[in-house]
Amino acid sequence: MVNRDINFSLWLDFIERDYLENEFGKLIEAGVVNGATSNPAIFASAITSSPAYKEQLEALKELSAKEKYEALAIQDIKKAAQLLRPLYNDGNDGFISIEVDPFLCNDTKGTVEEGKRLFKAIGEPNVMIKVPATQAGYEAMTELMSDGISVNATLVFSPKQAKQCFTAMTKGISKCEATGTCRVEGVISVFVSRFDRALDAELEQSGIDPSKTGIYNAAKIYNMIESNDIPNIRALFASTGVKGDNLPANYYIAGLMAAHSVNTAPLATIEAHIQTDDNQEVLPIDDAILNGYFMNLEDNGFKMDDIYKQLLDEGLVAFEEAFKEMLEKLEG
C-alpha cells in the first residue's frame, strides 16, 4: 500500500489495455498504488499477446511497425495518465512512465527528440520519460528536465550511475526552475533482483548469505540520494519481482520499505504484498554495514564494477531484443 505518512509510493509495473479499462482504477481508488511504469518488454508482451489491440492494429495497418507501436503505446499511456491525474493534482505522485526507443541508448539528440515528441503526443503533465542511465542518457535527462519534462532514469545498477543521474537531474531542475514555476520530478530506478539472480549460486558456494546483494546495493544508492536532500529526486526500486519459491513474493518490497522512495512492482507482487503487514520502514541501513558487505564480496573475488557492467549490458540488450521482437510482429 501507498504510505503517505512516510512518503512511500507503490507503483504498478504493468500496462495492458483491458486492465487499464477495468481494474487499474480500482487499485488507485483503494490506495494500493499511486503511479505506474512501463518498459519495452512490458509493452511487447501486452501488444503481442492481448486481443485488446486487434481493432486498433487493423486501423493502423498502413503504418510502419514503430508507428503502430507508438500509436498503441501513446493511447495506453494517455489513459493511465488520465486515471492517475487526480493523484498528480493532489501532489500524490500520479506518474506514468514511457521509455524511449531502447536503440537510442547512445544517442543524446535522438533520445531528447523522441522524449519530447512522446510527451507532447500524450499531452498529459504526469508522464515521465524513461531514459537509460548511459552517458548519452545523462545529457538527455538534463535537457528533458530543463524543459519541464519529468524523467525516470532506468537501468541503474551502480552507485556511479546513480550519482551521474542525480547530477544530471539537479542540473535540469535548476534550469527549469530558473525559468519560473516548474513542476518537474526525477526518479532513479535502481534494479534490484537481477543481482541476486546472477550471484546467489556463487555466493552460497563461497559461504556468503544469498539474496542480500540487490537490497544492499539499492540501500547504498538510497543513502546517497537522501544525503543530498533534494525533494523532487527519489530512489525508485525496480526489478522487484521474485523468481522461484525460495523468497517471499513481496521480498523486495518489504526489504526496501523507505521514506521518500518509490517501489515499482509487477501486479502479482503487489497483490502478495497487500496481504501482509510488511509496512515497517527498514531503510536506511548504516553505510558501515553496507560498505562492509561489499568489501567482503570483493575479498571473495566478486568484482562489483564488472558485475555492474555485465548487468547493465544485459539489461540494454534485453530491452532492445524485446523491442525488436515486438516490431517484427507488428510488421504484418
Protein backbone atom coordinates (compact mmCIF):
# COMPACT_ATOMS: atom_id res chain seq x y z
CA MET A 1 0.00 0.00 0.00
CA VAL A 2 1.00 3.63 -0.50
CA ASN A 3 2.12 5.20 2.78
CA ARG A 4 1.87 8.97 2.57
CA ASP A 5 2.91 9.35 6.23
CA ILE A 6 6.47 8.50 5.23
CA ASN A 7 6.14 9.43 1.53
CA PHE A 8 6.49 5.83 0.36
CA SER A 9 4.99 5.22 -3.06
CA LEU A 10 3.99 1.95 -4.70
CA TRP A 11 3.71 1.92 -8.50
CA LEU A 12 2.41 -0.81 -10.78
CA ASP A 13 4.99 -2.13 -13.24
CA PHE A 14 2.45 -3.26 -15.81
CA ILE A 15 0.49 -1.83 -18.74
CA GLU A 16 -2.21 -3.62 -20.73
CA ARG A 17 -5.29 -2.04 -22.27
CA ASP A 18 -8.03 -4.25 -20.83
CA TYR A 19 -6.50 -3.92 -17.37
CA LEU A 20 -6.36 -0.15 -17.69
CA GLU A 21 -10.00 -0.03 -18.72
CA ASN A 22 -11.31 -2.31 -16.00
CA GLU A 23 -9.05 -2.88 -12.98
CA PHE A 24 -6.37 -0.21 -12.73
CA GLY A 25 -8.75 2.45 -11.41
CA LYS A 26 -9.77 0.16 -8.56
CA LEU A 27 -6.16 -0.16 -7.40
CA ILE A 28 -5.83 3.63 -7.42
CA GLU A 29 -9.10 4.21 -5.57
CA ALA A 30 -8.13 1.67 -2.89
CA GLY A 31 -4.85 3.50 -2.25
CA VAL A 32 -2.81 0.47 -3.25
CA VAL A 33 -0.81 2.26 -5.95
CA ASN A 34 -0.20 5.89 -6.86
CA GLY A 35 1.71 5.51 -10.10
CA ALA A 36 2.76 3.10 -12.83
CA THR A 37 5.69 2.22 -15.05
CA SER A 38 6.18 0.54 -18.40
CA ASN A 39 9.15 -0.64 -20.43
CA PRO A 40 9.74 -2.15 -23.88
CA ALA A 41 9.40 -5.70 -22.58
CA ILE A 42 6.07 -4.94 -20.88
CA PHE A 43 4.64 -3.33 -24.00
CA ALA A 44 5.95 -6.12 -26.19
CA SER A 45 4.15 -8.69 -24.04
CA ALA A 46 0.91 -6.70 -23.92
CA ILE A 47 0.69 -5.73 -27.58
CA THR A 48 1.62 -9.13 -28.97
CA SER A 49 -0.49 -11.27 -26.61
CA SER A 50 -3.62 -9.25 -25.77
CA PRO A 51 -6.63 -9.18 -28.12
CA ALA A 52 -7.42 -5.67 -26.85
CA TYR A 53 -5.17 -4.18 -29.55
CA LYS A 54 -6.56 -6.09 -32.52
CA GLU A 55 -9.10 -3.49 -33.66
CA GLN A 56 -6.71 -0.55 -33.46
CA LEU A 57 -3.97 -2.51 -35.21
CA GLU A 58 -6.34 -3.17 -38.10
CA ALA A 59 -6.90 0.56 -38.47
CA LEU A 60 -3.13 1.17 -38.39
CA LYS A 61 -2.15 -1.49 -40.93
CA GLU A 62 -0.72 1.01 -43.43
CA LEU A 63 1.78 2.40 -40.91
CA SER A 64 5.31 1.23 -40.14
CA ALA A 65 5.86 -1.13 -37.21
CA LYS A 66 7.25 1.61 -34.99
CA GLU A 67 4.41 3.98 -35.89
CA LYS A 68 1.94 1.25 -34.94
CA TYR A 69 3.72 0.67 -31.64
CA GLU A 70 3.77 4.35 -30.78
CA ALA A 71 0.08 4.79 -31.59
CA LEU A 72 -0.80 1.89 -29.29
CA ALA A 73 1.58 2.94 -26.52
CA ILE A 74 0.52 6.59 -26.60
CA GLN A 75 -3.14 5.62 -26.23
CA ASP A 76 -2.38 3.36 -23.24
CA ILE A 77 -0.08 5.83 -21.51
CA LYS A 78 -2.58 8.65 -22.02
CA LYS A 79 -5.35 6.53 -20.48
CA ALA A 80 -3.16 5.63 -17.50
CA ALA A 81 -2.14 9.28 -17.06
CA GLN A 82 -5.76 10.40 -17.05
CA LEU A 83 -6.68 7.81 -14.41
CA LEU A 84 -3.74 8.94 -12.29
CA ARG A 85 -4.23 12.68 -12.87
CA PRO A 86 -6.30 13.35 -9.69
CA LEU A 87 -3.41 11.99 -7.61
CA TYR A 88 -0.94 14.16 -9.52
CA ASN A 89 -3.13 17.22 -8.97
CA ASP A 90 -3.19 16.38 -5.25
CA GLY A 91 0.60 16.12 -5.05
CA ASN A 92 0.37 12.34 -4.51
CA ASP A 93 2.62 11.23 -7.37
CA GLY A 94 0.23 10.09 -10.13
CA PHE A 95 3.03 9.47 -12.62
CA ILE A 96 3.13 7.01 -15.51
CA SER A 97 6.40 6.29 -17.36
CA ILE A 98 7.09 5.53 -21.00
CA GLU A 99 10.53 4.63 -22.29
CA VAL A 100 12.21 5.98 -25.38
CA ASP A 101 13.24 3.55 -28.12
CA PRO A 102 15.96 1.40 -26.46
CA PHE A 103 18.08 1.58 -29.61
CA LEU A 104 18.62 5.29 -28.80
CA CYS A 105 20.56 4.49 -25.61
CA ASN A 106 23.77 6.00 -27.01
CA ASP A 107 22.12 8.88 -28.90
CA THR A 108 21.53 12.00 -26.82
CA LYS A 109 19.92 14.03 -29.60
CA GLY A 110 17.65 11.17 -30.66
CA THR A 111 16.62 10.48 -27.06
CA VAL A 112 15.73 14.13 -26.42
CA GLU A 113 13.80 14.46 -29.67
CA GLU A 114 11.82 11.27 -29.10
CA GLY A 115 11.21 12.06 -25.42
CA LYS A 116 9.81 15.49 -26.24
CA ARG A 117 7.75 14.13 -29.12
CA LEU A 118 6.19 11.37 -27.00
CA PHE A 119 5.50 13.76 -24.12
CA LYS A 120 3.76 16.20 -26.46
CA ALA A 121 1.77 13.46 -28.21
CA ILE A 122 0.48 12.06 -24.92
CA GLY A 123 -0.40 15.56 -23.78
CA GLU A 124 -0.54 14.88 -20.02
CA PRO A 125 1.77 16.57 -17.47
CA ASN A 126 2.09 13.48 -15.25
CA VAL A 127 4.09 11.48 -17.80
CA MET A 128 7.70 10.59 -17.03
CA ILE A 129 10.07 9.84 -19.90
CA LYS A 130 12.25 6.84 -19.13
CA VAL A 131 15.86 7.25 -20.19
CA PRO A 132 18.56 4.58 -19.75
CA ALA A 133 21.44 5.55 -17.49
CA THR A 134 24.14 5.73 -20.16
CA GLN A 135 26.48 8.61 -20.94
CA ALA A 136 24.17 9.81 -23.69
CA GLY A 137 21.23 9.34 -21.35
CA TYR A 138 22.63 11.63 -18.65
CA GLU A 139 22.84 14.52 -21.08
CA ALA A 140 19.31 13.77 -22.31
CA MET A 141 17.99 13.76 -18.73
CA THR A 142 19.31 17.28 -18.15
CA GLU A 143 17.81 18.61 -21.36
CA LEU A 144 14.41 17.00 -20.87
CA MET A 145 14.09 18.15 -17.26
CA SER A 146 15.23 21.67 -18.13
CA ASP A 147 12.25 21.72 -20.49
CA GLY A 148 9.84 20.76 -17.70
CA ILE A 149 9.59 17.05 -18.53
CA SER A 150 9.89 14.65 -15.58
CA VAL A 151 12.36 11.79 -16.03
CA ASN A 152 12.65 8.21 -14.87
CA ALA A 153 16.31 7.19 -15.13
CA THR A 154 16.25 3.47 -15.81
CA LEU A 155 18.66 0.52 -15.82
CA VAL A 156 20.61 1.87 -12.85
CA PHE A 157 22.82 -0.76 -11.25
CA SER A 158 25.85 1.03 -9.82
CA PRO A 159 26.26 3.86 -7.33
CA LYS A 160 28.34 5.62 -10.00
CA GLN A 161 25.42 5.54 -12.45
CA ALA A 162 23.09 6.83 -9.73
CA LYS A 163 25.40 9.76 -8.95
CA GLN A 164 25.60 10.69 -12.62
CA CYS A 165 21.80 10.55 -12.88
CA PHE A 166 21.48 12.69 -9.78
CA THR A 167 23.91 15.28 -11.11
CA ALA A 168 22.16 15.39 -14.49
CA MET A 169 18.75 15.75 -12.85
CA THR A 170 19.78 18.54 -10.50
CA LYS A 171 21.15 20.48 -13.47
CA GLY A 172 17.91 20.05 -15.36
CA ILE A 173 15.75 21.01 -12.38
CA SER A 174 17.82 24.14 -11.75
CA LYS A 175 17.48 25.24 -15.37
CA CYS A 176 13.75 24.60 -15.35
CA GLU A 177 13.16 26.43 -12.08
CA ALA A 178 15.20 29.38 -13.30
CA THR A 179 12.59 29.99 -15.97
CA GLY A 180 9.79 30.35 -13.41
CA THR A 181 7.33 28.00 -11.77
CA CYS A 182 8.15 24.47 -12.86
CA ARG A 183 6.95 21.14 -11.53
CA VAL A 184 9.47 18.57 -12.62
CA GLU A 185 10.48 15.41 -10.78
CA GLY A 186 13.02 12.68 -11.22
CA VAL A 187 13.26 9.08 -10.05
CA ILE A 188 16.41 6.99 -10.23
CA SER A 189 15.33 3.41 -10.97
CA VAL A 190 17.69 1.04 -9.18
CA PHE A 191 17.33 -2.53 -10.43
CA VAL A 192 17.33 -4.98 -7.53
CA SER A 193 16.52 -8.65 -8.05
CA ARG A 194 18.83 -9.12 -11.02
CA PHE A 195 21.85 -9.02 -8.69
CA ASP A 196 20.57 -11.94 -6.66
CA ARG A 197 19.56 -14.00 -9.68
CA ALA A 198 23.05 -13.51 -11.12
CA LEU A 199 25.08 -14.03 -7.94
CA ASP A 200 23.24 -16.17 -5.39
CA ALA A 201 24.51 -19.59 -6.52
CA GLU A 202 28.13 -18.41 -6.41
CA LEU A 203 27.63 -16.60 -3.11
CA GLU A 204 26.34 -19.76 -1.46
CA GLN A 205 29.35 -21.67 -2.75
CA SER A 206 31.53 -19.02 -1.10
CA GLY A 207 29.67 -19.33 2.20
CA ILE A 208 28.00 -15.92 1.86
CA ASP A 209 24.30 -15.48 2.62
CA PRO A 210 22.32 -15.15 -0.62
CA SER A 211 19.64 -12.65 -1.63
CA LYS A 212 21.20 -9.64 0.06
CA THR A 213 23.22 -8.04 -2.72
CA GLY A 214 20.31 -6.43 -4.56
CA ILE A 215 18.82 -4.90 -1.43
CA TYR A 216 22.17 -3.75 -0.04
CA ASN A 217 23.17 -2.17 -3.34
CA ALA A 218 19.82 -0.37 -3.57
CA ALA A 219 20.15 0.72 0.06
CA LYS A 220 23.58 2.19 -0.66
CA ILE A 221 22.20 4.23 -3.56
CA TYR A 222 19.20 5.29 -1.48
CA ASN A 223 21.55 6.68 1.19
CA MET A 224 23.44 8.68 -1.44
CA ILE A 225 20.28 10.19 -2.89
CA GLU A 226 18.81 11.04 0.51
CA SER A 227 22.05 12.60 1.78
CA ASN A 228 21.63 15.34 -0.82
CA ASP A 229 18.12 16.24 0.40
CA ILE A 230 16.55 17.16 -2.95
CA PRO A 231 12.78 16.68 -2.50
CA ASN A 232 11.95 16.09 -6.16
CA ILE A 233 14.57 13.40 -6.81
CA ARG A 234 13.88 9.98 -5.30
CA ALA A 235 15.15 6.44 -5.43
CA LEU A 236 12.83 4.07 -7.26
CA PHE A 237 13.36 0.37 -6.60
CA ALA A 238 12.71 -1.62 -9.78
CA SER A 239 13.06 -5.24 -10.87
CA THR A 240 11.34 -6.25 -7.64
CA GLY A 241 9.55 -9.42 -8.73
CA VAL A 242 10.73 -12.68 -7.17
CA LYS A 243 11.66 -15.64 -9.37
CA GLY A 244 11.06 -19.07 -7.82
CA ASP A 245 9.73 -20.01 -4.41
CA ASN A 246 12.78 -19.54 -2.22
CA LEU A 247 11.81 -15.99 -1.18
CA PRO A 248 8.53 -14.40 -0.07
CA ALA A 249 6.71 -12.90 -3.06
CA ASN A 250 6.98 -9.37 -1.60
CA TYR A 251 10.62 -9.77 -0.53
CA TYR A 252 11.89 -6.78 -2.50
CA ILE A 253 9.07 -4.51 -1.33
CA ALA A 254 9.25 -5.33 2.38
CA GLY A 255 13.06 -5.34 2.28
CA LEU A 256 13.21 -1.84 0.77
CA MET A 257 10.45 -0.03 2.66
CA ALA A 258 11.77 3.51 2.97
CA ALA A 259 10.66 7.09 3.37
CA HIS A 260 10.83 9.33 0.29
CA SER A 261 11.07 6.39 -2.10
CA VAL A 262 9.14 4.51 -4.77
CA ASN A 263 8.84 0.78 -5.37
CA THR A 264 7.52 -0.37 -8.73
CA ALA A 265 6.43 -3.99 -8.87
CA PRO A 266 4.55 -6.48 -11.02
CA LEU A 267 0.86 -6.99 -10.28
CA ALA A 268 1.33 -10.39 -8.64
CA THR A 269 3.99 -8.98 -6.32
CA ILE A 270 1.73 -6.10 -5.27
CA GLU A 271 -1.18 -8.47 -4.69
CA ALA A 272 1.03 -10.61 -2.45
CA HIS A 273 2.33 -7.59 -0.58
CA ILE A 274 -1.06 -6.17 0.34
CA GLN A 275 -1.92 -9.47 2.02
CA THR A 276 0.88 -8.89 4.57
CA ASP A 277 1.63 -6.42 7.34
CA ASP A 278 5.11 -5.68 5.97
CA ASN A 279 4.90 -1.90 6.07
CA GLN A 280 7.62 -1.03 8.56
CA GLU A 281 10.50 1.20 7.48
CA VAL A 282 13.68 -0.83 7.09
CA LEU A 283 15.88 1.75 5.37
CA PRO A 284 18.25 3.43 5.83
CA ILE A 285 20.85 0.79 6.57
CA ASP A 286 24.06 2.17 8.08
CA ASP A 287 26.75 2.85 5.47
CA ALA A 288 29.32 0.97 7.57
CA ILE A 289 27.25 -2.22 7.28
CA LEU A 290 26.76 -1.75 3.55
CA ASN A 291 30.41 -0.97 2.88
CA GLY A 292 31.49 -3.97 4.96
CA TYR A 293 29.23 -6.24 2.94
CA PHE A 294 30.64 -5.12 -0.40
CA MET A 295 34.23 -5.26 0.89
CA ASN A 296 33.56 -8.89 1.83
CA LEU A 297 32.27 -9.58 -1.67
CA GLU A 298 35.40 -8.06 -3.20
CA ASP A 299 37.59 -10.08 -0.82
CA ASN A 300 35.86 -13.22 -2.06
CA GLY A 301 36.53 -12.44 -5.71
CA PHE A 302 33.28 -10.71 -6.66
CA LYS A 303 34.33 -7.67 -8.68
CA MET A 304 31.41 -5.29 -8.37
CA ASP A 305 32.47 -3.00 -11.23
CA ASP A 306 32.44 -5.99 -13.57
CA ILE A 307 29.08 -7.13 -12.23
CA TYR A 308 27.58 -3.66 -12.66
CA LYS A 309 28.76 -3.53 -16.27
CA GLN A 310 27.53 -7.03 -17.04
CA LEU A 311 24.05 -6.35 -15.66
CA LEU A 312 23.76 -3.02 -17.50
CA ASP A 313 24.87 -4.58 -20.78
CA GLU A 314 22.41 -7.44 -20.32
CA GLY A 315 19.60 -5.03 -19.45
CA LEU A 316 20.19 -2.88 -22.52
CA VAL A 317 20.28 -5.93 -24.78
CA ALA A 318 17.14 -7.42 -23.21
CA PHE A 319 15.15 -4.22 -23.84
CA GLU A 320 16.47 -3.96 -27.40
CA GLU A 321 15.58 -7.58 -28.13
CA ALA A 322 12.07 -7.21 -26.69
CA PHE A 323 11.53 -4.06 -28.73
CA LYS A 324 12.90 -5.62 -31.91
CA GLU A 325 10.77 -8.75 -31.48
CA MET A 326 7.65 -6.63 -30.97
CA LEU A 327 8.35 -4.53 -34.08
CA GLU A 328 8.87 -7.70 -36.12
CA LYS A 329 5.46 -8.99 -35.01
CA LEU A 330 3.89 -5.64 -35.91
CA GLU A 331 5.38 -5.63 -39.41
CA GLY A 332 2.47 -7.52 -40.94
